[in-house]
Amino acid sequence: MAGTYKCPRCDGTDIYFAQRQRITGVGGIYGNKAQMVKTALCKVCGENADFTPDVADVLRLKKVLAIVIAGVVLFIVIAVWANSTLVV
């Protein structure tokens, strides 16, 4: 899936990736868990960059989801119909 990264602060597109710590767990008796993750950062101001997917990729994903949902609905309808036609 292609897309672009853009800085929300300075609208820059010059991006680099660096390891940053991100909180991944929920607090509890042992505290929060943190992991090192690859993060997109702006070279100009250092702000976390936002990912914007391409429009074509979003449309393709919507079509795939619609086909999968239609298939599941069709499967359920056939299963209910087959169950109602059984003679006991």
N, C-alpha and C. Protein backbone atom coordinates (compact mmCIF):
# COMPACT_ATOMS: atom_id res chain seq x y z
N MET A 1 0.85 -1.17 0.00
CA MET A 1 0.00 0.00 0.00
C MET A 1 0.90 1.23 0.00
N ALA A 2 0.76 2.04 -1.00
CA ALA A 2 1.58 3.24 -1.14
C ALA A 2 0.86 4.43 -0.52
N GLY A 3 1.63 5.42 -0.21
CA GLY A 3 1.07 6.63 0.36
C GLY A 3 2.18 7.62 0.62
N THR A 4 1.84 8.72 1.26
CA THR A 4 2.82 9.75 1.55
C THR A 4 2.76 10.11 3.03
N TYR A 5 3.86 10.59 3.52
CA TYR A 5 3.93 11.10 4.88
C TYR A 5 4.00 12.62 4.81
N LYS A 6 3.30 13.27 5.74
CA LYS A 6 3.27 14.73 5.76
C LYS A 6 3.30 15.20 7.21
N CYS A 7 4.10 16.22 7.47
CA CYS A 7 4.21 16.77 8.82
C CYS A 7 2.99 17.64 9.13
N PRO A 8 2.31 17.41 10.25
CA PRO A 8 1.14 18.24 10.58
C PRO A 8 1.52 19.64 11.06
N ARG A 9 2.76 19.83 11.51
CA ARG A 9 3.17 21.14 12.03
C ARG A 9 3.64 22.08 10.92
N CYS A 10 4.59 21.60 10.07
CA CYS A 10 5.18 22.49 9.06
C CYS A 10 4.79 22.12 7.63
N ASP A 11 3.94 21.11 7.46
CA ASP A 11 3.51 20.62 6.14
C ASP A 11 4.66 20.13 5.28
N GLY A 12 5.75 19.73 5.91
CA GLY A 12 6.90 19.21 5.18
C GLY A 12 6.69 17.76 4.79
N THR A 13 7.38 17.36 3.73
CA THR A 13 7.31 15.97 3.27
C THR A 13 8.68 15.30 3.33
N ASP A 14 9.68 15.97 3.88
CA ASP A 14 11.01 15.39 4.04
C ASP A 14 11.02 14.60 5.35
N ILE A 15 10.96 13.27 5.24
CA ILE A 15 10.71 12.40 6.39
C ILE A 15 11.87 11.42 6.57
N TYR A 16 12.16 11.08 7.81
CA TYR A 16 13.08 9.99 8.11
C TYR A 16 12.44 9.10 9.17
N PHE A 17 12.95 7.88 9.30
CA PHE A 17 12.42 6.92 10.26
C PHE A 17 13.43 6.70 11.37
N ALA A 18 12.95 6.65 12.61
CA ALA A 18 13.82 6.42 13.76
C ALA A 18 13.08 5.55 14.78
N GLN A 19 13.84 4.89 15.63
CA GLN A 19 13.26 4.06 16.69
C GLN A 19 12.82 4.97 17.83
N ARG A 20 11.57 4.85 18.22
CA ARG A 20 11.04 5.62 19.35
C ARG A 20 10.28 4.67 20.26
N GLN A 21 10.18 5.05 21.52
CA GLN A 21 9.48 4.22 22.50
C GLN A 21 8.00 4.55 22.48
N ARG A 22 7.16 3.51 22.43
CA ARG A 22 5.71 3.70 22.42
C ARG A 22 5.11 2.83 23.51
N ILE A 23 4.18 3.41 24.28
CA ILE A 23 3.49 2.67 25.33
C ILE A 23 2.49 1.73 24.67
N THR A 24 2.60 0.43 24.96
CA THR A 24 1.73 -0.55 24.29
C THR A 24 0.80 -1.27 25.26
N GLY A 25 1.08 -1.23 26.53
CA GLY A 25 0.26 -1.98 27.48
C GLY A 25 -0.64 -1.06 28.29
N VAL A 26 -1.42 -1.67 29.14
CA VAL A 26 -2.31 -0.93 30.03
C VAL A 26 -1.69 -0.96 31.42
N GLY A 27 -1.80 0.13 32.13
CA GLY A 27 -1.24 0.19 33.47
C GLY A 27 -1.87 -0.84 34.39
N GLY A 28 -1.16 -1.23 35.35
CA GLY A 28 -1.64 -2.22 36.29
C GLY A 28 -0.66 -2.30 37.44
N ILE A 29 -0.61 -3.43 38.07
CA ILE A 29 0.27 -3.59 39.21
C ILE A 29 1.74 -3.49 38.81
N TYR A 30 2.06 -3.88 37.56
CA TYR A 30 3.44 -3.83 37.09
C TYR A 30 3.73 -2.59 36.25
N GLY A 31 2.78 -1.74 36.02
CA GLY A 31 2.99 -0.53 35.23
C GLY A 31 2.75 -0.76 33.75
N ASN A 32 2.98 0.27 32.95
CA ASN A 32 2.79 0.20 31.51
C ASN A 32 3.95 -0.52 30.85
N LYS A 33 3.68 -1.12 29.68
CA LYS A 33 4.72 -1.75 28.89
C LYS A 33 5.07 -0.81 27.75
N ALA A 34 6.34 -0.77 27.39
CA ALA A 34 6.78 0.08 26.29
C ALA A 34 7.58 -0.77 25.31
N GLN A 35 7.46 -0.45 24.02
CA GLN A 35 8.20 -1.12 22.97
C GLN A 35 8.87 -0.08 22.09
N MET A 36 9.98 -0.48 21.47
CA MET A 36 10.64 0.37 20.50
C MET A 36 9.99 0.11 19.14
N VAL A 37 9.50 1.17 18.49
CA VAL A 37 8.85 1.04 17.19
C VAL A 37 9.49 2.03 16.21
N LYS A 38 9.38 1.70 14.93
CA LYS A 38 9.88 2.57 13.87
C LYS A 38 8.86 3.68 13.65
N THR A 39 9.29 4.93 13.77
CA THR A 39 8.38 6.07 13.70
C THR A 39 8.83 7.03 12.61
N ALA A 40 7.89 7.55 11.82
CA ALA A 40 8.19 8.54 10.79
C ALA A 40 8.25 9.92 11.45
N LEU A 41 9.38 10.62 11.23
CA LEU A 41 9.58 11.95 11.82
C LEU A 41 9.95 12.95 10.73
N CYS A 42 9.56 14.19 10.93
CA CYS A 42 9.88 15.28 10.00
C CYS A 42 11.33 15.70 10.21
N LYS A 43 12.08 15.87 9.12
CA LYS A 43 13.47 16.30 9.23
C LYS A 43 13.60 17.76 9.63
N VAL A 44 12.61 18.57 9.32
CA VAL A 44 12.68 20.00 9.60
C VAL A 44 12.41 20.30 11.07
N CYS A 45 11.29 19.78 11.60
CA CYS A 45 10.89 20.15 12.96
C CYS A 45 10.87 18.99 13.95
N GLY A 46 10.99 17.74 13.48
CA GLY A 46 11.03 16.59 14.37
C GLY A 46 9.67 16.08 14.83
N GLU A 47 8.60 16.63 14.30
CA GLU A 47 7.25 16.20 14.65
C GLU A 47 6.95 14.83 14.04
N ASN A 48 6.08 14.03 14.71
CA ASN A 48 5.63 12.77 14.13
C ASN A 48 4.86 13.07 12.85
N ALA A 49 5.19 12.35 11.77
CA ALA A 49 4.54 12.57 10.48
C ALA A 49 3.30 11.71 10.36
N ASP A 50 2.29 12.24 9.70
CA ASP A 50 1.03 11.52 9.47
C ASP A 50 1.10 10.81 8.12
N PHE A 51 0.61 9.56 8.09
CA PHE A 51 0.57 8.79 6.84
C PHE A 51 -0.75 9.03 6.14
N THR A 52 -0.70 9.33 4.84
CA THR A 52 -1.90 9.52 4.03
C THR A 52 -1.89 8.49 2.92
N PRO A 53 -2.82 7.52 2.94
CA PRO A 53 -2.85 6.51 1.89
C PRO A 53 -3.33 7.10 0.57
N ASP A 54 -2.95 6.45 -0.54
CA ASP A 54 -3.41 6.87 -1.85
C ASP A 54 -4.91 6.61 -1.98
N VAL A 55 -5.59 7.43 -2.78
CA VAL A 55 -7.03 7.30 -2.98
C VAL A 55 -7.36 5.96 -3.65
N ALA A 56 -6.53 5.53 -4.60
CA ALA A 56 -6.78 4.27 -5.30
C ALA A 56 -6.73 3.09 -4.34
N ASP A 57 -5.80 3.13 -3.38
CA ASP A 57 -5.71 2.05 -2.40
C ASP A 57 -6.93 2.01 -1.50
N VAL A 58 -7.43 3.17 -1.12
CA VAL A 58 -8.62 3.22 -0.27
C VAL A 58 -9.83 2.68 -1.01
N LEU A 59 -9.98 3.05 -2.28
CA LEU A 59 -11.11 2.54 -3.07
C LEU A 59 -11.01 1.04 -3.27
N ARG A 60 -9.81 0.52 -3.52
CA ARG A 60 -9.62 -0.91 -3.69
C ARG A 60 -9.98 -1.65 -2.39
N LEU A 61 -9.58 -1.10 -1.26
CA LEU A 61 -9.90 -1.72 0.02
C LEU A 61 -11.41 -1.73 0.26
N LYS A 62 -12.11 -0.65 -0.08
CA LYS A 62 -13.56 -0.59 0.08
C LYS A 62 -14.25 -1.63 -0.79
N LYS A 63 -13.76 -1.83 -2.04
CA LYS A 63 -14.35 -2.83 -2.92
C LYS A 63 -14.16 -4.23 -2.37
N VAL A 64 -12.95 -4.52 -1.88
CA VAL A 64 -12.68 -5.84 -1.31
C VAL A 64 -13.56 -6.10 -0.10
N LEU A 65 -13.69 -5.11 0.78
CA LEU A 65 -14.55 -5.26 1.95
C LEU A 65 -16.01 -5.48 1.56
N ALA A 66 -16.49 -4.78 0.53
CA ALA A 66 -17.87 -4.95 0.08
C ALA A 66 -18.08 -6.36 -0.46
N ILE A 67 -17.12 -6.89 -1.20
CA ILE A 67 -17.24 -8.25 -1.75
C ILE A 67 -17.24 -9.28 -0.63
N VAL A 68 -16.36 -9.09 0.36
CA VAL A 68 -16.30 -10.04 1.48
C VAL A 68 -17.59 -10.01 2.29
N ILE A 69 -18.11 -8.83 2.55
CA ILE A 69 -19.37 -8.72 3.31
C ILE A 69 -20.52 -9.34 2.54
N ALA A 70 -20.58 -9.11 1.23
CA ALA A 70 -21.63 -9.71 0.41
C ALA A 70 -21.52 -11.23 0.43
N GLY A 71 -20.31 -11.76 0.40
CA GLY A 71 -20.12 -13.21 0.46
C GLY A 71 -20.57 -13.79 1.78
N VAL A 72 -20.27 -13.11 2.87
CA VAL A 72 -20.69 -13.58 4.19
C VAL A 72 -22.21 -13.55 4.31
N VAL A 73 -22.83 -12.49 3.84
CA VAL A 73 -24.30 -12.39 3.89
C VAL A 73 -24.93 -13.49 3.05
N LEU A 74 -24.40 -13.74 1.86
CA LEU A 74 -24.91 -14.80 1.00
C LEU A 74 -24.77 -16.16 1.68
N PHE A 75 -23.63 -16.40 2.31
CA PHE A 75 -23.40 -17.66 3.03
C PHE A 75 -24.42 -17.84 4.15
N ILE A 76 -24.70 -16.78 4.89
CA ILE A 76 -25.68 -16.86 5.99
C ILE A 76 -27.07 -17.12 5.45
N VAL A 77 -27.45 -16.47 4.35
CA VAL A 77 -28.77 -16.67 3.77
C VAL A 77 -28.92 -18.11 3.29
N ILE A 78 -27.91 -18.65 2.62
CA ILE A 78 -27.96 -20.04 2.15
C ILE A 78 -28.02 -21.00 3.34
N ALA A 79 -27.27 -20.73 4.40
CA ALA A 79 -27.29 -21.60 5.57
C ALA A 79 -28.66 -21.60 6.24
N VAL A 80 -29.28 -20.45 6.36
CA VAL A 80 -30.61 -20.37 6.96
C VAL A 80 -31.62 -21.08 6.07
N TRP A 81 -31.54 -20.88 4.76
CA TRP A 81 -32.46 -21.55 3.83
C TRP A 81 -32.29 -23.06 3.88
N ALA A 82 -31.02 -23.53 3.90
CA ALA A 82 -30.77 -24.97 3.95
C ALA A 82 -31.27 -25.56 5.26
N ASN A 83 -31.14 -24.85 6.33
CA ASN A 83 -31.59 -25.33 7.63
C ASN A 83 -33.12 -25.40 7.69
N SER A 84 -33.78 -24.49 7.01
CA SER A 84 -35.25 -24.47 7.04
C SER A 84 -35.86 -25.54 6.14
N THR A 85 -35.11 -26.07 5.18
CA THR A 85 -35.65 -27.07 4.27
C THR A 85 -35.38 -28.51 4.72
N LEU A 86 -34.68 -28.67 5.83
CA LEU A 86 -34.42 -30.02 6.34
C LEU A 86 -35.69 -30.65 6.85
N VAL A 87 -35.90 -31.90 6.51
CA VAL A 87 -37.07 -32.62 6.97
C VAL A 87 -36.62 -33.55 8.09
N VAL A 88 -37.27 -33.43 9.23
CA VAL A 88 -36.89 -34.24 10.38
C VAL A 88 -37.82 -35.39 10.57
